[in-house]
Amino acid sequence: MSRPGEFTAGDVLAAAEVNALPGGSYGYAQVTADQSGISTEADLTGLSVTVVLPASRRILISGNVMAASSAGDVRSQVYIKESTTYLAASHMSHPISGGSGRQTHQPMSVLTPSSGSHTYKLSALIDSGTMTAASSTTAPAFILVQDIGSA
């Protein structure tokens, strides 16, 4: 199978070759307002996406969340989940508190889920003190589900 950039004039793609190509974005959600006061595990408001997937596809789920801690010498976590199942995690240390203690979480998971409807979400927690999931119009927090090719 040729890949993009390897085709020459007159090449024809068979259905199997087209089906093997990445399919683009299935779903995306973003927020531009902070969510503060996180001390125990909490779903991140607005960072959930429901997608309908065909059979035999490989997907990439990625998240991006800036975390600020109220205390120093703590760890924050951001998870990608489907219902109560943990799919990926990002763990960060916050050596100092406040704005200088901000860390960017970017959890990612590659899956080959069953066909049908799936809801993926981000959740967060901190081991001591409170955490703010910080976001703005120029630096939104997001979750993205992409088709990266056939399984």
Foldseek 3Di string as FASTA:
>chain_A
DDDPVRDDPPDDDDPVRVQFAWDWFFDKWWDAAKDKDFADKDFDPGAKIKGFFAAQFKKKKKWKWKKFFQAAQKKKKKFKDFPPHTFWMFIDHQHGHDPNRIDMGMIMGIDRDGGGMTMITMIMHMPDHMMMRHHRPVRIIMMTMITHGGD
